[in-house]
Structure formats: C-alpha cells, structure tokens
Amino acid sequence: MDVYEAVTSRRSVRGFKDKPVARETLERVLSAAAWSPSGSNIQPWNTYVMTGASLAELKTSAIERVAHGDPWDKRQYEMYPAALKSPYGERRSAFGRERYSALGITREDWEARQRAAIANWNCFGAPAALFCYIDRDLGPPQWADVGMYLQTVMLLLRAEGLHSCPQMAWSQVRETVAEALSPPDGLILFCGMSIGYEDPAVSFARTGRAPLAETVTFVDE
C-alpha cells in the first residue's frame, strides 16, 4: 500500500471484528512511528497498548460507569471551544448528521444516540487499543507533535491492513483508564485509539472534505 492509498483509505472506523491483532504487528507499527517528527526530537508521546483480558476489563469498567450515569472526569484540556465559529461548527454538525443517519438514528432518538456513544468505550468491538498521554508541562507545539505521531501510527496501521479510530472520548473517563494503566503523575490522557480489522457489516458514512481552495492558498507570484 503506497502512502497516498494509506492516507485516502484511513478513516475513523466504528465497527471492528474480534480477530486478534498480533503483538508483533503492533510493535512493528509503533517502532516505525517513533520516527515521527517532533520539535528538537523531544518525542513527547507516552503510549500504552492494551489487548486481551486487561482491555476487556477496562471496557467493562468504562461502560458500566457511563451506563450508571456517573459524572465525567474533569477535562484536562478543552476538547472544543464553547462556541465553534464558522466554518468549523458547520463541519462538526454535518459530521454528526451523517454519522447518525448512516446508523439509522434520528435526532430525536436519544436512547439510540446514547447507545451509539457508549460504543466508544467498547472500542467499537476492537481487540486492541492505544492510549496516548502527554506531559502536562508541555505546550501547544508538543501537542502538535503528538498529533503527527498519532497520524503516523494510523497510516502504518493501514499499511498492515488494519483500521483505527482515535477517540478523545476516553479523556472523559480518564480516571478509569488511569486505574488500569497507572501512568506517572504529570501525564495527561489525550486520547485512546481503537485498533483492529474492520467489520464491513457495520454501516458508516464517509465524511467528505472541504474543497482545496477553501483550506489552501497558493502564493506563486
């Protein structure tokens, strides 16, 4: 699979088979992803990978917590601004409409929307998950470095025939994740990432992208 195919075929998959992902594959992907760029090569990512019984226990704990209506953990970063100005707010709204429409869920069906949201903490059925932390003392440039690292991981997973879904939703139950992983003090959970083989039986909507002219300006004179 060439780079262009990896980029254009990557999407946030929300339905996985229970087929295990070999540890050797995950080690190969993460070893290569370590070559991702970072300012002054400080490599600010701190990654944990869970599979098997440990992941199953975390899924159960997180789902039970959410199902019981326990309050979310206090955010350690702002996921979205309180008011998303145009065109970002419209793009976010369009994504929500397309996703729930593909699942056959109407805006008024709150229970179905809740069930769809809870699937996040089951990793959408994926047999492997990655949790990425960053030191709380680092700044926006290092958060950008972590983003480049995660994108590299996702593209390498495509090269292995795997799919993924990065999920900031895990930050809302970060204390539950911390109970399972015991990360050092001072680390912030940025996101989780579900990893596995796509289940083609699960319906999805492939969200579009803005026209190039809307996001890119060429200056050649």
C-alpha atoms as a PDB file:
ATOM      1  CA  MET A   1       0.000   0.000   0.000  1.00  0.00           C
ATOM      2  CA  ASP A   2       1.550   3.319  -1.025  1.00  0.00           C
ATOM      3  CA  VAL A   3       1.344   6.471   1.085  1.00  0.00           C
ATOM      4  CA  TYR A   4      -1.466   8.037  -0.955  1.00  0.00           C
ATOM      5  CA  GLU A   5      -3.623   4.944  -0.573  1.00  0.00           C
ATOM      6  CA  ALA A   6      -2.914   4.789   3.156  1.00  0.00           C
ATOM      7  CA  VAL A   7      -3.940   8.434   3.583  1.00  0.00           C
ATOM      8  CA  THR A   8      -7.115   8.262   1.493  1.00  0.00           C
ATOM      9  CA  SER A   9      -8.258   4.893   2.865  1.00  0.00           C
ATOM     10  CA  ARG A  10      -7.731   5.872   6.503  1.00  0.00           C
ATOM     11  CA  ARG A  11     -10.911   6.792   8.335  1.00  0.00           C
ATOM     12  CA  SER A  12     -12.290   6.505  11.835  1.00  0.00           C
ATOM     13  CA  VAL A  13     -13.781   3.018  11.792  1.00  0.00           C
ATOM     14  CA  ARG A  14     -16.559   2.383  14.303  1.00  0.00           C
ATOM     15  CA  GLY A  15     -17.084  -1.330  13.826  1.00  0.00           C
ATOM     16  CA  PHE A  16     -14.367  -3.977  14.240  1.00  0.00           C
ATOM     17  CA  LYS A  17     -14.113  -7.751  14.042  1.00  0.00           C
ATOM     18  CA  ASP A  18     -12.947  -9.563  17.164  1.00  0.00           C
ATOM     19  CA  LYS A  19     -10.000 -11.012  15.229  1.00  0.00           C
ATOM     20  CA  PRO A  20      -6.877 -10.515  17.379  1.00  0.00           C
ATOM     21  CA  VAL A  21      -4.092  -8.185  16.284  1.00  0.00           C
ATOM     22  CA  ALA A  22      -0.650  -9.765  16.614  1.00  0.00           C
ATOM     23  CA  ARG A  23       1.674  -8.099  19.123  1.00  0.00           C
ATOM     24  CA  GLU A  24       4.464  -8.321  16.559  1.00  0.00           C
ATOM     25  CA  THR A  25       2.389  -6.169  14.203  1.00  0.00           C
ATOM     26  CA  LEU A  26       1.756  -3.549  16.850  1.00  0.00           C
ATOM     27  CA  GLU A  27       5.424  -3.492  17.817  1.00  0.00           C
ATOM     28  CA  ARG A  28       6.403  -3.051  14.164  1.00  0.00           C
ATOM     29  CA  VAL A  29       3.979  -0.153  13.721  1.00  0.00           C
ATOM     30  CA  LEU A  30       4.988   1.647  16.904  1.00  0.00           C
ATOM     31  CA  SER A  31       8.703   1.141  16.289  1.00  0.00           C
ATOM     32  CA  ALA A  32       8.354   2.828  12.888  1.00  0.00           C
ATOM     33  CA  ALA A  33       6.063   5.558  14.271  1.00  0.00           C
ATOM     34  CA  ALA A  34       8.843   6.547  16.666  1.00  0.00           C
ATOM     35  CA  TRP A  35      10.445   8.245  13.647  1.00  0.00           C
ATOM     36  CA  SER A  36       7.618  10.807  13.586  1.00  0.00           C
ATOM     37  CA  PRO A  37       8.845  14.418  13.679  1.00  0.00           C
ATOM     38  CA  SER A  38       8.936  16.413  16.904  1.00  0.00           C
ATOM     39  CA  GLY A  39      10.483  19.748  17.773  1.00  0.00           C
ATOM     40  CA  SER A  40      14.132  19.232  18.815  1.00  0.00           C
ATOM     41  CA  ASN A  41      13.341  15.490  18.788  1.00  0.00           C
ATOM     42  CA  ILE A  42      11.843  15.565  22.285  1.00  0.00           C
ATOM     43  CA  GLN A  43       9.297  12.850  21.340  1.00  0.00           C
ATOM     44  CA  PRO A  44       6.546  13.980  23.738  1.00  0.00           C
ATOM     45  CA  TRP A  45       4.256  10.962  23.309  1.00  0.00           C
ATOM     46  CA  ASN A  46       3.759   8.387  26.055  1.00  0.00           C
ATOM     47  CA  THR A  47       1.896   5.377  24.677  1.00  0.00           C
ATOM     48  CA  TYR A  48       0.193   2.418  26.331  1.00  0.00           C
ATOM     49  CA  VAL A  49      -1.210  -0.519  24.361  1.00  0.00           C
ATOM     50  CA  MET A  50      -3.886  -2.812  25.757  1.00  0.00           C
ATOM     51  CA  THR A  51      -5.225  -6.115  24.451  1.00  0.00           C
ATOM     52  CA  GLY A  52      -6.752  -9.281  25.860  1.00  0.00           C
ATOM     53  CA  ALA A  53      -8.198  -9.530  29.349  1.00  0.00           C
ATOM     54  CA  SER A  54      -6.821  -6.171  30.511  1.00  0.00           C
ATOM     55  CA  LEU A  55      -8.606  -4.323  27.724  1.00  0.00           C
ATOM     56  CA  ALA A  56     -11.794  -6.315  28.271  1.00  0.00           C
ATOM     57  CA  GLU A  57     -11.781  -5.313  31.945  1.00  0.00           C
ATOM     58  CA  LEU A  58     -11.261  -1.647  31.080  1.00  0.00           C
ATOM     59  CA  LYS A  59     -14.108  -1.728  28.559  1.00  0.00           C
ATOM     60  CA  THR A  60     -16.427  -3.249  31.161  1.00  0.00           C
ATOM     61  CA  SER A  61     -15.466  -0.694  33.814  1.00  0.00           C
ATOM     62  CA  ALA A  62     -15.884   2.261  31.465  1.00  0.00           C
ATOM     63  CA  ILE A  63     -19.206   1.073  30.044  1.00  0.00           C
ATOM     64  CA  GLU A  64     -20.637   0.357  33.489  1.00  0.00           C
ATOM     65  CA  ARG A  65     -19.579   3.778  34.670  1.00  0.00           C
ATOM     66  CA  VAL A  66     -21.179   5.543  31.717  1.00  0.00           C
ATOM     67  CA  ALA A  67     -24.319   3.381  31.835  1.00  0.00           C
ATOM     68  CA  HIS A  68     -24.788   4.237  35.513  1.00  0.00           C
ATOM     69  CA  GLY A  69     -24.722   7.930  34.674  1.00  0.00           C
ATOM     70  CA  ASP A  70     -21.594   8.718  36.663  1.00  0.00           C
ATOM     71  CA  PRO A  71     -20.301  12.244  36.013  1.00  0.00           C
ATOM     72  CA  TRP A  72     -17.500  12.733  33.514  1.00  0.00           C
ATOM     73  CA  ASP A  73     -13.996  13.332  34.805  1.00  0.00           C
ATOM     74  CA  LYS A  74     -12.955  16.966  34.746  1.00  0.00           C
ATOM     75  CA  ARG A  75     -11.375  17.760  31.413  1.00  0.00           C
ATOM     76  CA  GLN A  76      -7.622  18.356  31.441  1.00  0.00           C
ATOM     77  CA  TYR A  77      -7.817  20.196  28.136  1.00  0.00           C
ATOM     78  CA  GLU A  78     -10.527  21.901  26.101  1.00  0.00           C
ATOM     79  CA  MET A  79     -11.858  19.401  23.574  1.00  0.00           C
ATOM     80  CA  TYR A  80     -13.677  22.083  21.552  1.00  0.00           C
ATOM     81  CA  PRO A  81     -14.172  25.807  22.124  1.00  0.00           C
ATOM     82  CA  ALA A  82     -17.507  26.629  23.743  1.00  0.00           C
ATOM     83  CA  ALA A  83     -18.628  28.250  20.501  1.00  0.00           C
ATOM     84  CA  LEU A  84     -17.221  26.861  17.253  1.00  0.00           C
ATOM     85  CA  LYS A  85     -17.252  29.674  14.724  1.00  0.00           C
ATOM     86  CA  SER A  86     -17.872  29.177  11.028  1.00  0.00           C
ATOM     87  CA  PRO A  87     -16.949  27.040   9.144  1.00  0.00           C
ATOM     88  CA  TYR A  88     -15.863  24.693  11.948  1.00  0.00           C
ATOM     89  CA  GLY A  89     -19.215  24.478  13.686  1.00  0.00           C
ATOM     90  CA  GLU A  90     -20.980  23.610  10.442  1.00  0.00           C
ATOM     91  CA  ARG A  91     -18.455  20.883   9.678  1.00  0.00           C
ATOM     92  CA  ARG A  92     -18.920  19.347  13.110  1.00  0.00           C
ATOM     93  CA  SER A  93     -22.703  19.423  12.787  1.00  0.00           C
ATOM     94  CA  ALA A  94     -22.555  17.859   9.330  1.00  0.00           C
ATOM     95  CA  PHE A  95     -20.426  15.027  10.682  1.00  0.00           C
ATOM     96  CA  GLY A  96     -22.945  14.279  13.420  1.00  0.00           C
ATOM     97  CA  ARG A  97     -25.849  14.228  10.978  1.00  0.00           C
ATOM     98  CA  GLU A  98     -24.026  11.930   8.563  1.00  0.00           C
ATOM     99  CA  ARG A  99     -22.855   9.534  11.254  1.00  0.00           C
ATOM    100  CA  TYR A 100     -26.235   9.032  12.912  1.00  0.00           C
ATOM    101  CA  SER A 101     -28.023   8.911   9.577  1.00  0.00           C
ATOM    102  CA  ALA A 102     -25.777   6.014   8.499  1.00  0.00           C
ATOM    103  CA  LEU A 103     -26.790   4.205  11.691  1.00  0.00           C
ATOM    104  CA  GLY A 104     -30.469   4.915  11.055  1.00  0.00           C
ATOM    105  CA  ILE A 105     -30.724   7.042  14.206  1.00  0.00           C
ATOM    106  CA  THR A 106     -32.894  10.147  14.214  1.00  0.00           C
ATOM    107  CA  ARG A 107     -32.030  13.302  16.109  1.00  0.00           C
ATOM    108  CA  GLU A 108     -34.984  12.718  18.437  1.00  0.00           C
ATOM    109  CA  ASP A 109     -33.997   9.137  19.357  1.00  0.00           C
ATOM    110  CA  TRP A 110     -31.935   9.996  22.418  1.00  0.00           C
ATOM    111  CA  GLU A 111     -31.642   6.414  23.679  1.00  0.00           C
ATOM    112  CA  ALA A 112     -30.234   5.183  20.366  1.00  0.00           C
ATOM    113  CA  ARG A 113     -27.792   8.085  20.303  1.00  0.00           C
ATOM    114  CA  GLN A 114     -26.670   7.165  23.808  1.00  0.00           C
ATOM    115  CA  ARG A 115     -26.122   3.537  22.800  1.00  0.00           C
ATOM    116  CA  ALA A 116     -24.042   4.709  19.848  1.00  0.00           C
ATOM    117  CA  ALA A 117     -21.978   6.929  22.137  1.00  0.00           C
ATOM    118  CA  ILE A 118     -21.402   4.137  24.678  1.00  0.00           C
ATOM    119  CA  ALA A 119     -19.882   2.051  21.871  1.00  0.00           C
ATOM    120  CA  ASN A 120     -16.846   4.331  22.190  1.00  0.00           C
ATOM    121  CA  TRP A 121     -15.932   2.676  25.487  1.00  0.00           C
ATOM    122  CA  ASN A 122     -16.254  -0.771  23.950  1.00  0.00           C
ATOM    123  CA  CYS A 123     -13.669   0.375  21.392  1.00  0.00           C
ATOM    124  CA  PHE A 124     -16.367  -0.403  18.811  1.00  0.00           C
ATOM    125  CA  GLY A 125     -15.513  -4.059  19.301  1.00  0.00           C
ATOM    126  CA  ALA A 126     -11.800  -3.642  18.539  1.00  0.00           C
ATOM    127  CA  PRO A 127      -9.441  -6.183  20.173  1.00  0.00           C
ATOM    128  CA  ALA A 128      -6.634  -3.668  20.718  1.00  0.00           C
ATOM    129  CA  ALA A 129      -6.436  -0.109  21.984  1.00  0.00           C
ATOM    130  CA  LEU A 130      -3.763   2.529  22.328  1.00  0.00           C
ATOM    131  CA  PHE A 131      -3.801   5.287  24.945  1.00  0.00           C
ATOM    132  CA  CYS A 132      -1.644   8.338  24.315  1.00  0.00           C
ATOM    133  CA  TYR A 133      -0.500  10.625  27.126  1.00  0.00           C
ATOM    134  CA  ILE A 134       1.432  13.894  27.123  1.00  0.00           C
ATOM    135  CA  ASP A 135       3.236  15.675  29.958  1.00  0.00           C
ATOM    136  CA  ARG A 136       1.068  18.442  31.396  1.00  0.00           C
ATOM    137  CA  ASP A 137       4.041  20.838  31.420  1.00  0.00           C
ATOM    138  CA  LEU A 138       4.404  20.777  27.636  1.00  0.00           C
ATOM    139  CA  GLY A 139       2.810  23.322  25.298  1.00  0.00           C
ATOM    140  CA  PRO A 140       0.836  23.564  22.035  1.00  0.00           C
ATOM    141  CA  PRO A 141       3.816  22.743  19.773  1.00  0.00           C
ATOM    142  CA  GLN A 142       4.319  19.459  21.629  1.00  0.00           C
ATOM    143  CA  TRP A 143       0.602  18.653  21.353  1.00  0.00           C
ATOM    144  CA  ALA A 144       1.042  19.147  17.604  1.00  0.00           C
ATOM    145  CA  ASP A 145       3.967  16.708  17.723  1.00  0.00           C
ATOM    146  CA  VAL A 146       1.696  14.139  19.371  1.00  0.00           C
ATOM    147  CA  GLY A 147      -0.846  14.662  16.595  1.00  0.00           C
ATOM    148  CA  MET A 148       1.786  13.941  13.952  1.00  0.00           C
ATOM    149  CA  TYR A 149       2.805  10.821  15.845  1.00  0.00           C
ATOM    150  CA  LEU A 150      -0.760   9.538  16.025  1.00  0.00           C
ATOM    151  CA  GLN A 151      -1.319  10.188  12.322  1.00  0.00           C
ATOM    152  CA  THR A 152       1.840   8.229  11.560  1.00  0.00           C
ATOM    153  CA  VAL A 153       0.565   5.343  13.689  1.00  0.00           C
ATOM    154  CA  MET A 154      -2.761   5.322  11.843  1.00  0.00           C
ATOM    155  CA  LEU A 155      -1.134   5.327   8.405  1.00  0.00           C
ATOM    156  CA  LEU A 156       1.207   2.494   9.370  1.00  0.00           C
ATOM    157  CA  LEU A 157      -1.800   0.527  10.627  1.00  0.00           C
ATOM    158  CA  ARG A 158      -3.349   0.908   7.182  1.00  0.00           C
ATOM    159  CA  ALA A 159      -0.159  -0.483   5.641  1.00  0.00           C
ATOM    160  CA  GLU A 160      -0.699  -3.539   7.844  1.00  0.00           C
ATOM    161  CA  GLY A 161      -4.294  -3.945   6.660  1.00  0.00           C
ATOM    162  CA  LEU A 162      -5.663  -2.598   9.937  1.00  0.00           C
ATOM    163  CA  HIS A 163      -8.002   0.271  10.756  1.00  0.00           C
ATOM    164  CA  SER A 164      -8.279   2.589  13.732  1.00  0.00           C
ATOM    165  CA  CYS A 165     -10.428   5.185  15.424  1.00  0.00           C
ATOM    166  CA  PRO A 166      -8.821   7.951  17.513  1.00  0.00           C
ATOM    167  CA  GLN A 167     -11.107   8.837  20.427  1.00  0.00           C
ATOM    168  CA  MET A 168     -10.866  11.875  22.655  1.00  0.00           C
ATOM    169  CA  ALA A 169     -13.931  10.415  24.406  1.00  0.00           C
ATOM    170  CA  TRP A 170     -11.586   8.371  26.590  1.00  0.00           C
ATOM    171  CA  SER A 171     -10.401  11.581  28.261  1.00  0.00           C
ATOM    172  CA  GLN A 172     -13.884  11.832  29.777  1.00  0.00           C
ATOM    173  CA  VAL A 173     -13.233   8.645  31.774  1.00  0.00           C
ATOM    174  CA  ARG A 174      -9.519   9.235  32.264  1.00  0.00           C
ATOM    175  CA  GLU A 175      -9.579   8.183  35.907  1.00  0.00           C
ATOM    176  CA  THR A 176     -10.949   4.784  34.941  1.00  0.00           C
ATOM    177  CA  VAL A 177      -8.168   4.441  32.373  1.00  0.00           C
ATOM    178  CA  ALA A 178      -5.589   5.521  34.951  1.00  0.00           C
ATOM    179  CA  GLU A 179      -6.773   2.797  37.346  1.00  0.00           C
ATOM    180  CA  ALA A 180      -5.933   0.254  34.658  1.00  0.00           C
ATOM    181  CA  LEU A 181      -2.653   1.769  33.450  1.00  0.00           C
ATOM    182  CA  SER A 182      -1.172   3.599  36.486  1.00  0.00           C
ATOM    183  CA  PRO A 183       0.537   6.315  34.412  1.00  0.00           C
ATOM    184  CA  PRO A 184       3.120   8.507  36.173  1.00  0.00           C
ATOM    185  CA  ASP A 185       1.910  11.698  37.812  1.00  0.00           C
ATOM    186  CA  GLY A 186       2.079  14.663  35.483  1.00  0.00           C
ATOM    187  CA  LEU A 187       0.794  12.916  32.363  1.00  0.00           C
ATOM    188  CA  ILE A 188      -2.454  13.941  30.662  1.00  0.00           C
ATOM    189  CA  LEU A 189      -4.511  11.428  28.707  1.00  0.00           C
ATOM    190  CA  PHE A 190      -5.009  12.968  25.284  1.00  0.00           C
ATOM    191  CA  CYS A 191      -6.911  10.180  23.576  1.00  0.00           C
ATOM    192  CA  GLY A 192      -7.478   6.500  23.102  1.00  0.00           C
ATOM    193  CA  MET A 193      -7.366   4.720  19.759  1.00  0.00           C
ATOM    194  CA  SER A 194      -9.282   1.579  18.806  1.00  0.00           C
ATOM    195  CA  ILE A 195      -7.271  -0.751  16.569  1.00  0.00           C
ATOM    196  CA  GLY A 196      -8.316  -3.815  14.627  1.00  0.00           C
ATOM    197  CA  TYR A 197      -9.780  -5.290  11.457  1.00  0.00           C
ATOM    198  CA  GLU A 198     -12.842  -3.524  10.088  1.00  0.00           C
ATOM    199  CA  ASP A 199     -16.220  -5.244  10.252  1.00  0.00           C
ATOM    200  CA  PRO A 200     -17.707  -4.482   6.804  1.00  0.00           C
ATOM    201  CA  ALA A 201     -21.202  -5.282   8.082  1.00  0.00           C
ATOM    202  CA  VAL A 202     -21.289  -2.063  10.137  1.00  0.00           C
ATOM    203  CA  SER A 203     -22.823   0.853   8.242  1.00  0.00           C
ATOM    204  CA  PHE A 204     -20.893   4.095   8.027  1.00  0.00           C
ATOM    205  CA  ALA A 205     -20.830   7.419   6.225  1.00  0.00           C
ATOM    206  CA  ARG A 206     -17.530   8.507   4.712  1.00  0.00           C
ATOM    207  CA  THR A 207     -17.461  12.175   5.592  1.00  0.00           C
ATOM    208  CA  GLY A 208     -16.224  14.500   2.890  1.00  0.00           C
ATOM    209  CA  ARG A 209     -13.542  17.151   2.962  1.00  0.00           C
ATOM    210  CA  ALA A 210     -13.607  20.843   2.171  1.00  0.00           C
ATOM    211  CA  PRO A 211     -12.540  21.835  -1.356  1.00  0.00           C
ATOM    212  CA  LEU A 212      -8.829  22.533  -1.649  1.00  0.00           C
ATOM    213  CA  ALA A 213      -9.464  26.215  -2.368  1.00  0.00           C
ATOM    214  CA  GLU A 214     -11.257  26.534   0.968  1.00  0.00           C
ATOM    215  CA  THR A 215      -8.292  25.414   3.062  1.00  0.00           C
ATOM    216  CA  VAL A 216      -5.188  26.022   0.918  1.00  0.00           C
ATOM    217  CA  THR A 217      -3.811  29.225  -0.578  1.00  0.00           C
ATOM    218  CA  PHE A 218      -1.111  29.080  -3.233  1.00  0.00           C
ATOM    219  CA  VAL A 219       1.191  32.095  -3.494  1.00  0.00           C
ATOM    220  CA  ASP A 220       3.292  31.883  -6.646  1.00  0.00           C
ATOM    221  CA  GLU A 221       3.847  35.447  -7.770  1.00  0.00           C
END
